[in-house]
Amino acid sequence: MPVVTVQQGPRSTELKRELVRQITDAFVDALHVPAESVQVWIHEVPTDSWGSAGKLTADK
């Protein structure tokens, strides 16, 4: 069973729904596994809890 973990900033439910669908489809196409076997875990990190280039994402 493939398990995919996505780490990202907050997104709408509709965008996450589409992301899960497309990731699942990619695994079904590439690995020839049933969609029911693909799990996608979305770990959302608030913009004040991560940064890049020395700045919090919330400050950009």
PDB file of N, CA and C in Angstrom:
ATOM      1  N   MET A   1       0.835  -1.168   0.000  1.00  0.00           N
ATOM      2  CA  MET A   1       0.000   0.000   0.000  1.00  0.00           C
ATOM      3  C   MET A   1       0.882   1.233   0.000  1.00  0.00           C
ATOM      4  N   PRO A   2       0.827   2.064  -1.036  1.00  0.00           N
ATOM      5  CA  PRO A   2       1.585   3.304  -1.048  1.00  0.00           C
ATOM      6  C   PRO A   2       1.017   4.307  -0.049  1.00  0.00           C
ATOM      7  N   VAL A   3       1.916   4.962   0.674  1.00  0.00           N
ATOM      8  CA  VAL A   3       1.541   6.041   1.581  1.00  0.00           C
ATOM      9  C   VAL A   3       2.347   7.269   1.168  1.00  0.00           C
ATOM     10  N   VAL A   4       1.667   8.351   0.869  1.00  0.00           N
ATOM     11  CA  VAL A   4       2.296   9.593   0.439  1.00  0.00           C
ATOM     12  C   VAL A   4       2.045  10.640   1.516  1.00  0.00           C
ATOM     13  N   THR A   5       3.093  11.326   1.955  1.00  0.00           N
ATOM     14  CA  THR A   5       2.944  12.402   2.920  1.00  0.00           C
ATOM     15  C   THR A   5       3.278  13.721   2.234  1.00  0.00           C
ATOM     16  N   VAL A   6       2.375  14.670   2.344  1.00  0.00           N
ATOM     17  CA  VAL A   6       2.559  15.998   1.763  1.00  0.00           C
ATOM     18  C   VAL A   6       2.675  16.985   2.911  1.00  0.00           C
ATOM     19  N   GLN A   7       3.751  17.746   2.930  1.00  0.00           N
ATOM     20  CA  GLN A   7       3.901  18.818   3.908  1.00  0.00           C
ATOM     21  C   GLN A   7       3.753  20.126   3.163  1.00  0.00           C
ATOM     22  N   GLN A   8       2.854  20.974   3.662  1.00  0.00           N
ATOM     23  CA  GLN A   8       2.568  22.221   2.962  1.00  0.00           C
ATOM     24  C   GLN A   8       1.952  23.221   3.921  1.00  0.00           C
ATOM     25  N   GLY A   9       1.842  24.444   3.440  1.00  0.00           N
ATOM     26  CA  GLY A   9       1.104  25.458   4.168  1.00  0.00           C
ATOM     27  C   GLY A   9      -0.385  25.213   4.007  1.00  0.00           C
ATOM     28  N   PRO A  10      -1.185  25.933   4.773  1.00  0.00           N
ATOM     29  CA  PRO A  10      -2.641  25.744   4.717  1.00  0.00           C
ATOM     30  C   PRO A  10      -3.216  25.983   3.323  1.00  0.00           C
ATOM     31  N   ARG A  11      -4.135  25.122   2.933  1.00  0.00           N
ATOM     32  CA  ARG A  11      -4.850  25.228   1.656  1.00  0.00           C
ATOM     33  C   ARG A  11      -6.325  24.940   1.912  1.00  0.00           C
ATOM     34  N   SER A  12      -7.166  25.314   0.962  1.00  0.00           N
ATOM     35  CA  SER A  12      -8.602  25.061   1.093  1.00  0.00           C
ATOM     36  C   SER A  12      -8.884  23.564   0.952  1.00  0.00           C
ATOM     37  N   THR A  13     -10.037  23.164   1.458  1.00  0.00           N
ATOM     38  CA  THR A  13     -10.450  21.768   1.339  1.00  0.00           C
ATOM     39  C   THR A  13     -10.562  21.359  -0.120  1.00  0.00           C
ATOM     40  N   GLU A  14     -11.057  22.248  -0.970  1.00  0.00           N
ATOM     41  CA  GLU A  14     -11.201  21.925  -2.386  1.00  0.00           C
ATOM     42  C   GLU A  14      -9.843  21.657  -3.030  1.00  0.00           C
ATOM     43  N   LEU A  15      -8.835  22.463  -2.726  1.00  0.00           N
ATOM     44  CA  LEU A  15      -7.503  22.223  -3.282  1.00  0.00           C
ATOM     45  C   LEU A  15      -6.910  20.915  -2.762  1.00  0.00           C
ATOM     46  N   LYS A  16      -7.124  20.621  -1.478  1.00  0.00           N
ATOM     47  CA  LYS A  16      -6.604  19.363  -0.925  1.00  0.00           C
ATOM     48  C   LYS A  16      -7.311  18.169  -1.543  1.00  0.00           C
ATOM     49  N   ARG A  17      -8.597  18.292  -1.786  1.00  0.00           N
ATOM     50  CA  ARG A  17      -9.361  17.215  -2.429  1.00  0.00           C
ATOM     51  C   ARG A  17      -8.779  16.913  -3.812  1.00  0.00           C
ATOM     52  N   GLU A  18      -8.488  17.966  -4.584  1.00  0.00           N
ATOM     53  CA  GLU A  18      -7.919  17.794  -5.924  1.00  0.00           C
ATOM     54  C   GLU A  18      -6.509  17.223  -5.855  1.00  0.00           C
ATOM     55  N   LEU A  19      -5.723  17.661  -4.899  1.00  0.00           N
ATOM     56  CA  LEU A  19      -4.366  17.140  -4.728  1.00  0.00           C
ATOM     57  C   LEU A  19      -4.399  15.642  -4.439  1.00  0.00           C
ATOM     58  N   VAL A  20      -5.255  15.227  -3.526  1.00  0.00           N
ATOM     59  CA  VAL A  20      -5.372  13.806  -3.178  1.00  0.00           C
ATOM     60  C   VAL A  20      -5.806  12.993  -4.398  1.00  0.00           C
ATOM     61  N   ARG A  21      -6.725  13.522  -5.170  1.00  0.00           N
ATOM     62  CA  ARG A  21      -7.190  12.812  -6.367  1.00  0.00           C
ATOM     63  C   ARG A  21      -6.052  12.635  -7.373  1.00  0.00           C
ATOM     64  N   GLN A  22      -5.313  13.715  -7.608  1.00  0.00           N
ATOM     65  CA  GLN A  22      -4.248  13.639  -8.612  1.00  0.00           C
ATOM     66  C   GLN A  22      -3.085  12.757  -8.157  1.00  0.00           C
ATOM     67  N   ILE A  23      -2.741  12.820  -6.882  1.00  0.00           N
ATOM     68  CA  ILE A  23      -1.678  11.942  -6.374  1.00  0.00           C
ATOM     69  C   ILE A  23      -2.105  10.487  -6.478  1.00  0.00           C
ATOM     70  N   THR A  24      -3.339  10.202  -6.092  1.00  0.00           N
ATOM     71  CA  THR A  24      -3.854   8.831  -6.187  1.00  0.00           C
ATOM     72  C   THR A  24      -3.814   8.345  -7.629  1.00  0.00           C
ATOM     73  N   ASP A  25      -4.289   9.170  -8.551  1.00  0.00           N
ATOM     74  CA  ASP A  25      -4.279   8.796  -9.969  1.00  0.00           C
ATOM     75  C   ASP A  25      -2.859   8.512 -10.456  1.00  0.00           C
ATOM     76  N   ALA A  26      -1.887   9.309 -10.010  1.00  0.00           N
ATOM     77  CA  ALA A  26      -0.501   9.107 -10.433  1.00  0.00           C
ATOM     78  C   ALA A  26       0.022   7.746  -9.979  1.00  0.00           C
ATOM     79  N   PHE A  27      -0.295   7.346  -8.759  1.00  0.00           N
ATOM     80  CA  PHE A  27       0.157   6.051  -8.262  1.00  0.00           C
ATOM     81  C   PHE A  27      -0.565   4.907  -8.963  1.00  0.00           C
ATOM     82  N   VAL A  28      -1.839   5.080  -9.230  1.00  0.00           N
ATOM     83  CA  VAL A  28      -2.590   4.056  -9.957  1.00  0.00           C
ATOM     84  C   VAL A  28      -1.975   3.867 -11.345  1.00  0.00           C
ATOM     85  N   ASP A  29      -1.670   4.967 -12.023  1.00  0.00           N
ATOM     86  CA  ASP A  29      -1.088   4.894 -13.371  1.00  0.00           C
ATOM     87  C   ASP A  29       0.330   4.333 -13.359  1.00  0.00           C
ATOM     88  N   ALA A  30       1.160   4.781 -12.419  1.00  0.00           N
ATOM     89  CA  ALA A  30       2.577   4.405 -12.424  1.00  0.00           C
ATOM     90  C   ALA A  30       2.824   3.011 -11.863  1.00  0.00           C
ATOM     91  N   LEU A  31       2.096   2.647 -10.808  1.00  0.00           N
ATOM     92  CA  LEU A  31       2.361   1.383 -10.123  1.00  0.00           C
ATOM     93  C   LEU A  31       1.315   0.311 -10.384  1.00  0.00           C
ATOM     94  N   HIS A  32       0.248   0.678 -11.078  1.00  0.00           N
ATOM     95  CA  HIS A  32      -0.837  -0.267 -11.384  1.00  0.00           C
ATOM     96  C   HIS A  32      -1.404  -0.890 -10.112  1.00  0.00           C
ATOM     97  N   VAL A  33      -1.655  -0.027  -9.114  1.00  0.00           N
ATOM     98  CA  VAL A  33      -2.275  -0.475  -7.868  1.00  0.00           C
ATOM     99  C   VAL A  33      -3.693   0.070  -7.821  1.00  0.00           C
ATOM    100  N   PRO A  34      -4.571  -0.580  -7.061  1.00  0.00           N
ATOM    101  CA  PRO A  34      -5.929  -0.042  -6.947  1.00  0.00           C
ATOM    102  C   PRO A  34      -5.932   1.270  -6.148  1.00  0.00           C
ATOM    103  N   ALA A  35      -6.806   2.180  -6.539  1.00  0.00           N
ATOM    104  CA  ALA A  35      -6.902   3.474  -5.854  1.00  0.00           C
ATOM    105  C   ALA A  35      -7.141   3.293  -4.356  1.00  0.00           C
ATOM    106  N   GLU A  36      -7.862   2.249  -3.991  1.00  0.00           N
ATOM    107  CA  GLU A  36      -8.177   2.002  -2.581  1.00  0.00           C
ATOM    108  C   GLU A  36      -6.936   1.728  -1.742  1.00  0.00           C
ATOM    109  N   SER A  37      -5.841   1.375  -2.387  1.00  0.00           N
ATOM    110  CA  SER A  37      -4.631   1.057  -1.628  1.00  0.00           C
ATOM    111  C   SER A  37      -3.732   2.272  -1.396  1.00  0.00           C
ATOM    112  N   VAL A  38      -4.054   3.389  -2.034  1.00  0.00           N
ATOM    113  CA  VAL A  38      -3.218   4.584  -1.931  1.00  0.00           C
ATOM    114  C   VAL A  38      -3.725   5.468  -0.790  1.00  0.00           C
ATOM    115  N   GLN A  39      -2.819   5.808   0.113  1.00  0.00           N
ATOM    116  CA  GLN A  39      -3.147   6.722   1.207  1.00  0.00           C
ATOM    117  C   GLN A  39      -2.341   8.000   1.031  1.00  0.00           C
ATOM    118  N   VAL A  40      -2.994   9.139   1.198  1.00  0.00           N
ATOM    119  CA  VAL A  40      -2.328  10.433   1.118  1.00  0.00           C
ATOM    120  C   VAL A  40      -2.572  11.152   2.433  1.00  0.00           C
ATOM    121  N   TRP A  41      -1.475  11.503   3.094  1.00  0.00           N
ATOM    122  CA  TRP A  41      -1.556  12.229   4.366  1.00  0.00           C
ATOM    123  C   TRP A  41      -1.079  13.646   4.125  1.00  0.00           C
ATOM    124  N   ILE A  42      -1.889  14.609   4.505  1.00  0.00           N
ATOM    125  CA  ILE A  42      -1.527  16.013   4.339  1.00  0.00           C
ATOM    126  C   ILE A  42      -1.223  16.590   5.713  1.00  0.00           C
ATOM    127  N   HIS A  43       0.003  17.053   5.851  1.00  0.00           N
ATOM    128  CA  HIS A  43       0.442  17.680   7.086  1.00  0.00           C
ATOM    129  C   HIS A  43       0.577  19.168   6.800  1.00  0.00           C
ATOM    130  N   GLU A  44      -0.347  19.965   7.341  1.00  0.00           N
ATOM    131  CA  GLU A  44      -0.312  21.404   7.108  1.00  0.00           C
ATOM    132  C   GLU A  44       0.429  22.102   8.243  1.00  0.00           C
ATOM    133  N   VAL A  45       1.321  22.976   7.860  1.00  0.00           N
ATOM    134  CA  VAL A  45       2.116  23.728   8.814  1.00  0.00           C
ATOM    135  C   VAL A  45       1.700  25.197   8.702  1.00  0.00           C
ATOM    136  N   PRO A  46       1.315  25.826   9.813  1.00  0.00           N
ATOM    137  CA  PRO A  46       0.951  27.242   9.752  1.00  0.00           C
ATOM    138  C   PRO A  46       2.121  28.091   9.253  1.00  0.00           C
ATOM    139  N   THR A  47       1.799  29.174   8.561  1.00  0.00           N
ATOM    140  CA  THR A  47       2.848  30.007   7.977  1.00  0.00           C
ATOM    141  C   THR A  47       3.753  30.649   9.028  1.00  0.00           C
ATOM    142  N   ASP A  48       3.309  30.705  10.278  1.00  0.00           N
ATOM    143  CA  ASP A  48       4.184  31.251  11.325  1.00  0.00           C
ATOM    144  C   ASP A  48       5.036  30.166  11.986  1.00  0.00           C
ATOM    145  N   SER A  49       5.005  28.956  11.425  1.00  0.00           N
ATOM    146  CA  SER A  49       5.775  27.845  11.986  1.00  0.00           C
ATOM    147  C   SER A  49       6.824  27.298  11.021  1.00  0.00           C
ATOM    148  N   TRP A  50       7.095  27.993   9.919  1.00  0.00           N
ATOM    149  CA  TRP A  50       8.155  27.581   9.004  1.00  0.00           C
ATOM    150  C   TRP A  50       8.654  28.797   8.241  1.00  0.00           C
ATOM    151  N   GLY A  51       9.822  28.686   7.724  1.00  0.00           N
ATOM    152  CA  GLY A  51      10.394  29.813   7.006  1.00  0.00           C
ATOM    153  C   GLY A  51      11.447  29.374   6.015  1.00  0.00           C
ATOM    154  N   SER A  52      11.913  30.333   5.243  1.00  0.00           N
ATOM    155  CA  SER A  52      13.007  30.100   4.299  1.00  0.00           C
ATOM    156  C   SER A  52      13.746  31.425   4.105  1.00  0.00           C
ATOM    157  N   ALA A  53      14.994  31.309   3.735  1.00  0.00           N
ATOM    158  CA  ALA A  53      15.842  32.479   3.498  1.00  0.00           C
ATOM    159  C   ALA A  53      15.897  33.392   4.720  1.00  0.00           C
ATOM    160  N   GLY A  54      15.815  32.790   5.899  1.00  0.00           N
ATOM    161  CA  GLY A  54      15.942  33.555   7.134  1.00  0.00           C
ATOM    162  C   GLY A  54      14.708  34.295   7.587  1.00  0.00           C
ATOM    163  N   LYS A  55      13.559  34.053   6.933  1.00  0.00           N
ATOM    164  CA  LYS A  55      12.335  34.756   7.297  1.00  0.00           C
ATOM    165  C   LYS A  55      11.189  33.773   7.451  1.00  0.00           C
ATOM    166  N   LEU A  56      10.283  34.070   8.397  1.00  0.00           N
ATOM    167  CA  LEU A  56       9.058  33.287   8.505  1.00  0.00           C
ATOM    168  C   LEU A  56       8.222  33.495   7.255  1.00  0.00           C
ATOM    169  N   THR A  57       7.572  32.464   6.829  1.00  0.00           N
ATOM    170  CA  THR A  57       6.691  32.567   5.666  1.00  0.00           C
ATOM    171  C   THR A  57       5.586  33.574   5.928  1.00  0.00           C
ATOM    172  N   ALA A  58       5.112  33.659   7.162  1.00  0.00           N
ATOM    173  CA  ALA A  58       4.055  34.605   7.517  1.00  0.00           C
ATOM    174  C   ALA A  58       4.501  36.047   7.298  1.00  0.00           C
ATOM    175  N   ASP A  59       5.792  36.315   7.332  1.00  0.00           N
ATOM    176  CA  ASP A  59       6.304  37.675   7.177  1.00  0.00           C
ATOM    177  C   ASP A  59       6.565  38.072   5.725  1.00  0.00           C
ATOM    178  N   LYS A  60       6.375  37.160   4.809  1.00  0.00           N
ATOM    179  CA  LYS A  60       6.660  37.462   3.399  1.00  0.00           C
ATOM    180  C   LYS A  60       5.467  38.103   2.739  1.00  0.00           C
TER     181      LYS A  60
END
